[in-house]
Amino acid sequence: MRRFMRTLAAAAAMATLGGCMSVTESGRDFMPTETSLAYFPKRTQTQTLLNALPAPDREIAVAVYGFTDQTGQFKPTEAGQTLSRAVTQGASSMLVKALQDAGNREWFTIVERERLDNLLKERQIISEMRKRYLGEEVIDANALPALLFAGVLLEGGIVGYDTNTVTGGMGAAFLGIGGSTQYRQDTVTVYLRAVSVRTGEVLTTVTASKTIASRAIGASAYRFVAFKELLEAEFGITSNEPDQVALQQAVEKAVYGLVMEGVDLNLWRFSDMQAASPLMELYRKERDGVYEARDVQKAVRRAGSVDTLKIVEDKKKKTKEEEG
């Protein structure tokens, strides 16, 4: 009996440890935060990349009128489709936060446009109150200065939400003792473009995707431990990656790509282009499919920061290309 319980406990522990991940390392948590208290969400790896962006030569004034769900999908359930949307409708708020995170608020000056009516109404109230109680026919510019205007509009939205892009599982049992695991993966895709206010030209476009993982792990036992004494035991846990966190990371990746793509197209610049050249080279290789996102993350982690990145060419590969 003791041997059996040790075996069952070991199987459960191995299943649990095999799925442990963290948001910072891989972009997802296998075990969500277990607390009854309000908490601040963990910093994502894409948010860390945004914060580490080198400073620009000047800030860019941008406006976001809307970053909406363009998929039109509703959330499916076992009983059928519901009226709840498949993805969050707060993508605009995520985009604004990601723009603020870029270079620790050094890259973008964000002007309010999504709720512009509320802002104009409040300014009108201030104007009316100053006229009525202070007798101002011309409002003091120090009390109510002119609104900032944007040079770049950011448009786009959530363009794809694909479910069950990857499904699978495995299991094994021996003498009534066994375990199993199941896996499912969805994918969310966002599209972001920058538009010049002066000319209406679409300056650059970026697309970013993020997978959403769901995993179930279980162990069970069914055996006789004595004459007419049957032991049945089950253990299981299911973890679903929050759609909101996955969408947040996709938006953050899109903003990161927008900054880098704009620098590559000479739309804007880093304050020190020479120091940022390794980062640009890393981005180009990731964009062109030479590196994957995990390669970039490992490179930044090994370097300690974005500023200390160095691109080391593969001499063997370079020699083969020259000989060819």
Foldseek 3Di string as FASTA:
>chain_A
DVVVVVVQVVVVVVVVVVQADDQQQPNFGQDDDDDPDDDDDDDHVLLVVQQQAFAFPQAFEEEEQAAAAPAPAFDADPVGGDPHRPFDGPLVVLLVVLCCSRNVNRHYDYFYNNPVVVVVVVLVVVVVVCCVPVVDPDDDCVVPNDGDDGQKYKYWYWDDKAWQPDWDKDKDDDQQKIKMKIKGKIKTKIKIWIAGPVPRDTPDIFMFMFMWMKMKIKIWGWHAPDVVRIDIDMDMDIGTTDSHSRSSSRSSVRVVVVVLVCCVVVVTGRPDNVLQVLVNVVSVCCVVVVDDPSVVSVQCVVLVGSSRGDDDDDPVVVVVVVVD
